[in-house]
């Protein structure tokens, strides 16, 4: 074996040793990173936006299962979609966000002294598509001045009414007989409120005798108080 061959063998051995050293270094870095990150765990990320107050159990297809190191996962992260049962989104949830417990709350339920009452609300004159379980609304009723000497009047019959359920859109028949609330053909939505006895009576009266019942959505955290002077409106009083 001449000197050139010996140099070639030595260079080959050095290349192998360098490759082994590089592999060992990469393996060490990966192992160190894994040891620092800790074991992986399951979490859920939004694959699409979810509006505020949307029932989350009905939106299971908008979540994707992911895996991430447990030590990096927030303590409030949801790791089981079973937690969605009976919950609604408290704020609009955005695509790509990690699902966490403080993003949701229990679906509204009746409080002592309250009762459920449901009425049909015209989809065109209500707040179409924006009212969900958990929303708060002011309920307006408009009465025609049919008797001699009386004038049309609009009244806020209930302020800060709590919505506990929103049904599916239904088509009204040709004379609007799906409910007395709506007097013309179109589409309506059954909306259930949690009200005390007096407010429930007001809503029942308006549904029976008002020409129209409308809802005004109150912004989350907004003030739902209305002064007595602002509860009744006639055209003559608008100066």
Protein backbone atom coordinates (compact mmCIF):
# COMPACT_ATOMS: atom_id res chain seq x y z
CA UNK A 1 0.00 0.00 0.00
CA UNK A 2 1.56 3.22 -1.08
CA UNK A 3 1.37 6.59 0.70
CA UNK A 4 -1.45 7.88 -1.53
CA UNK A 5 -3.66 4.91 -0.63
CA UNK A 6 -2.90 5.33 3.05
CA UNK A 7 -3.92 9.01 2.90
CA UNK A 8 -7.14 8.05 1.14
CA UNK A 9 -8.03 5.51 3.83
CA UNK A 10 -7.22 8.00 6.58
CA UNK A 11 -9.41 10.68 4.93
CA UNK A 12 -12.23 8.15 4.54
CA UNK A 13 -12.02 7.19 8.20
CA UNK A 14 -12.01 10.86 9.21
CA UNK A 15 -15.13 11.47 7.07
CA UNK A 16 -16.93 8.56 8.73
CA UNK A 17 -15.96 9.82 12.18
CA UNK A 18 -17.16 13.35 11.33
CA UNK A 19 -20.47 11.98 10.06
CA UNK A 20 -20.91 9.93 13.22
CA UNK A 21 -20.08 12.99 15.33
CA UNK A 22 -22.61 15.13 13.46
CA UNK A 23 -25.30 12.45 13.84
CA UNK A 24 -24.57 12.19 17.55
CA UNK A 25 -24.80 15.96 17.88
CA UNK A 26 -28.17 16.15 16.10
CA UNK A 27 -29.51 13.24 18.16
CA UNK A 28 -28.34 14.95 21.35
CA UNK A 29 -30.06 18.23 20.40
CA UNK A 30 -33.34 16.44 19.55
CA UNK A 31 -33.22 14.40 22.73
CA UNK A 32 -32.49 17.52 24.78
CA UNK A 33 -35.40 19.39 23.16
CA UNK A 34 -37.76 16.50 23.79
CA UNK A 35 -36.65 16.19 27.41
CA UNK A 36 -37.24 19.91 27.94
CA UNK A 37 -40.63 19.90 26.20
CA UNK A 38 -41.89 16.86 28.07
CA UNK A 39 -44.54 14.39 26.94
CA UNK A 40 -47.16 15.40 24.35
CA UNK A 41 -50.87 15.84 25.05
CA UNK A 42 -54.08 16.43 23.11
CA UNK A 43 -55.57 19.87 22.49
CA UNK A 44 -58.08 21.38 20.06
CA UNK A 45 -57.70 24.25 17.64
CA UNK A 46 -60.43 26.10 15.74
CA UNK A 47 -60.55 25.30 12.04
CA UNK A 48 -63.25 27.96 11.44
CA UNK A 49 -64.72 31.02 13.18
CA UNK A 50 -67.55 30.56 15.69
CA UNK A 51 -69.90 33.47 16.52
CA UNK A 52 -70.51 34.55 20.10
CA UNK A 53 -73.25 32.63 21.97
CA UNK A 54 -73.12 29.74 19.47
CA UNK A 55 -73.80 26.34 21.13
CA UNK A 56 -70.38 24.67 20.95
CA UNK A 57 -71.68 21.12 20.96
CA UNK A 58 -73.28 21.83 17.58
CA UNK A 59 -69.94 23.12 16.24
CA UNK A 60 -67.76 20.06 16.88
CA UNK A 61 -66.75 19.93 13.21
CA UNK A 62 -65.08 23.34 13.60
CA UNK A 63 -62.39 21.96 15.91
CA UNK A 64 -59.32 19.98 14.91
CA UNK A 65 -57.38 17.69 17.22
CA UNK A 66 -53.70 18.57 17.67
CA UNK A 67 -50.83 17.32 19.81
CA UNK A 68 -48.41 19.58 21.64
CA UNK A 69 -45.99 19.33 24.60
CA UNK A 70 -47.89 19.26 27.85
CA UNK A 71 -45.58 21.79 29.50
CA UNK A 72 -46.44 24.36 26.81
CA UNK A 73 -50.20 23.82 27.05
CA UNK A 74 -52.14 26.45 29.05
CA UNK A 75 -53.80 25.09 32.18
CA UNK A 76 -57.16 26.26 30.80
CA UNK A 77 -56.82 24.39 27.49
CA UNK A 78 -59.65 21.98 26.61
CA UNK A 79 -58.35 18.44 26.11
CA UNK A 80 -61.70 16.66 25.80
CA UNK A 81 -64.56 17.77 23.53
CA UNK A 82 -66.97 16.26 26.04
CA UNK A 83 -66.56 19.55 27.92
CA UNK A 84 -68.55 21.28 25.16
CA UNK A 85 -71.82 19.74 26.32
CA UNK A 86 -74.25 22.47 27.39
CA UNK A 87 -71.72 25.25 26.67
CA UNK A 88 -71.84 28.32 24.43
CA UNK A 89 -69.10 30.64 23.15
CA UNK A 90 -68.88 33.74 25.34
CA UNK A 91 -67.12 35.79 22.63
CA UNK A 92 -66.50 35.37 18.89
CA UNK A 93 -63.94 32.56 18.49
CA UNK A 94 -61.41 32.96 15.69
CA UNK A 95 -59.92 30.37 13.35
CA UNK A 96 -56.52 29.11 14.55
CA UNK A 97 -57.19 29.82 18.24
CA UNK A 98 -56.53 27.17 20.86
CA UNK A 99 -59.80 26.19 22.57
CA UNK A 100 -59.73 27.14 26.26
CA UNK A 101 -62.20 26.93 29.12
CA UNK A 102 -62.52 30.70 29.51
CA UNK A 103 -63.83 30.93 25.93
CA UNK A 104 -67.08 29.19 26.88
CA UNK A 105 -69.79 29.26 29.51
CA UNK A 106 -72.82 27.22 30.50
CA UNK A 107 -75.93 27.67 28.38
CA UNK A 108 -78.34 30.11 30.10
CA UNK A 109 -80.92 28.45 32.35
CA UNK A 110 -83.97 29.63 34.25
CA UNK A 111 -83.41 31.37 37.57
CA UNK A 112 -85.80 31.09 40.53
CA UNK A 113 -88.98 33.04 39.75
CA UNK A 114 -88.46 32.91 35.98
CA UNK A 115 -90.36 30.99 33.33
CA UNK A 116 -89.83 30.18 29.67
CA UNK A 117 -91.96 31.86 27.05
CA UNK A 118 -91.45 31.46 23.31
CA UNK A 119 -92.78 33.67 20.52
CA UNK A 120 -92.31 33.83 16.78
CA UNK A 121 -90.18 36.76 15.63
CA UNK A 122 -90.21 37.93 12.02
CA UNK A 123 -86.73 37.26 10.60
CA UNK A 124 -86.87 40.50 8.61
CA UNK A 125 -87.85 42.83 11.46
CA UNK A 126 -85.92 41.01 14.18
CA UNK A 127 -82.15 40.89 14.36
CA UNK A 128 -81.74 38.20 11.73
CA UNK A 129 -78.89 35.77 12.39
CA UNK A 130 -77.41 37.75 15.29
CA UNK A 131 -79.47 36.53 18.23
CA UNK A 132 -78.36 33.37 20.02
CA UNK A 133 -78.80 31.69 23.37
CA UNK A 134 -77.24 34.04 25.92
CA UNK A 135 -78.08 37.24 24.05
CA UNK A 136 -79.88 40.07 25.78
CA UNK A 137 -82.50 42.06 23.89
CA UNK A 138 -85.04 44.81 24.32
CA UNK A 139 -88.50 43.78 23.12
CA UNK A 140 -90.49 46.43 21.22
CA UNK A 141 -94.19 46.20 20.34
CA UNK A 142 -96.03 48.46 17.91
CA UNK A 143 -99.79 48.92 18.33
CA UNK A 144 -102.01 50.37 15.60
CA UNK A 145 -104.33 53.21 16.51
CA UNK A 146 -107.47 51.52 15.27
CA UNK A 147 -109.96 53.04 17.71
CA UNK A 148 -111.29 56.52 17.10
CA UNK A 149 -109.08 59.15 18.67
CA UNK A 150 -106.16 56.80 19.30
CA UNK A 151 -102.83 56.97 17.54
CA UNK A 152 -100.20 54.34 16.69
CA UNK A 153 -97.72 53.80 19.50
CA UNK A 154 -94.47 51.92 19.95
CA UNK A 155 -93.54 50.59 23.40
CA UNK A 156 -90.56 48.88 24.98
CA UNK A 157 -92.47 46.12 26.75
CA UNK A 158 -89.40 44.33 28.19
CA UNK A 159 -85.83 45.58 28.56
CA UNK A 160 -82.84 43.28 28.96
CA UNK A 161 -84.75 40.08 28.17
CA UNK A 162 -82.53 36.98 28.39
CA UNK A 163 -82.64 34.68 25.35
CA UNK A 164 -82.23 31.03 26.32
CA UNK A 165 -82.97 29.32 22.99
CA UNK A 166 -83.33 30.17 19.31
CA UNK A 167 -85.21 27.79 17.04
CA UNK A 168 -84.89 27.17 13.33
CA UNK A 169 -86.19 29.50 10.65
CA UNK A 170 -89.75 28.67 9.60
CA UNK A 171 -91.80 29.84 6.66
CA UNK A 172 -95.05 31.64 7.47
CA UNK A 173 -98.15 30.76 5.50
CA UNK A 174 -99.91 33.22 3.20
CA UNK A 175 -101.72 35.02 6.05
CA UNK A 176 -98.87 34.83 8.56
CA UNK A 177 -100.75 32.47 10.86
CA UNK A 178 -97.63 30.80 12.30
CA UNK A 179 -98.02 33.23 15.20
CA UNK A 180 -99.96 36.35 16.06
CA UNK A 181 -96.71 38.29 16.42
CA UNK A 182 -96.16 38.43 12.68
CA UNK A 183 -99.01 39.59 10.48
CA UNK A 184 -97.55 39.06 7.03
CA UNK A 185 -96.03 36.30 4.96
CA UNK A 186 -92.32 35.65 5.25
CA UNK A 187 -90.02 33.76 7.61
CA UNK A 188 -89.99 33.71 11.39
CA UNK A 189 -87.84 32.27 14.17
CA UNK A 190 -89.14 30.90 17.48
CA UNK A 191 -87.22 32.58 20.29
CA UNK A 192 -87.48 31.51 23.92
CA UNK A 193 -86.98 34.00 26.75
CA UNK A 194 -86.45 33.60 30.50
CA UNK A 195 -88.79 36.15 32.09
CA UNK A 196 -90.57 36.83 35.34
CA UNK A 197 -94.36 36.57 35.40
CA UNK A 198 -95.06 40.26 34.68
CA UNK A 199 -92.70 40.44 31.70
CA UNK A 200 -94.05 37.13 30.38
CA UNK A 201 -97.55 38.63 30.49
CA UNK A 202 -96.35 41.69 28.61
CA UNK A 203 -94.83 39.51 25.88
CA UNK A 204 -97.96 37.34 25.65
CA UNK A 205 -100.15 40.44 25.35
CA UNK A 206 -97.95 41.93 22.64
CA UNK A 207 -97.93 38.69 20.69
CA UNK A 208 -101.72 38.64 20.74
CA UNK A 209 -102.53 42.29 20.08
CA UNK A 210 -99.48 44.12 18.66
CA UNK A 211 -99.19 44.59 14.93
CA UNK A 212 -95.44 43.93 15.14
CA UNK A 213 -92.98 42.70 17.76
CA UNK A 214 -89.33 43.52 17.23
CA UNK A 215 -86.11 42.77 19.08
CA UNK A 216 -83.18 45.13 19.63
CA UNK A 217 -79.93 43.32 20.41
CA UNK A 218 -77.96 44.69 23.36
CA UNK A 219 -74.18 44.62 22.96
CA UNK A 220 -72.35 42.28 25.39
CA UNK A 221 -71.66 44.26 28.54
CA UNK A 222 -73.95 47.06 27.39
CA UNK A 223 -76.47 48.88 29.57
CA UNK A 224 -79.98 47.48 29.09
CA UNK A 225 -81.67 50.06 31.32
CA UNK A 226 -84.33 52.24 29.68
CA UNK A 227 -85.96 55.18 31.42
CA UNK A 228 -89.75 55.26 31.71
CA UNK A 229 -89.83 58.37 29.49
CA UNK A 230 -88.17 56.44 26.67
CA UNK A 231 -90.39 53.36 26.85
CA UNK A 232 -93.27 54.84 24.87
CA UNK A 233 -93.06 56.58 21.49
CA UNK A 234 -95.61 58.33 19.33
CA UNK A 235 -94.97 60.47 16.30
CA UNK A 236 -96.52 63.49 18.02
CA UNK A 237 -94.09 63.19 20.92
CA UNK A 238 -91.07 63.39 18.61
CA UNK A 239 -90.16 67.05 18.54
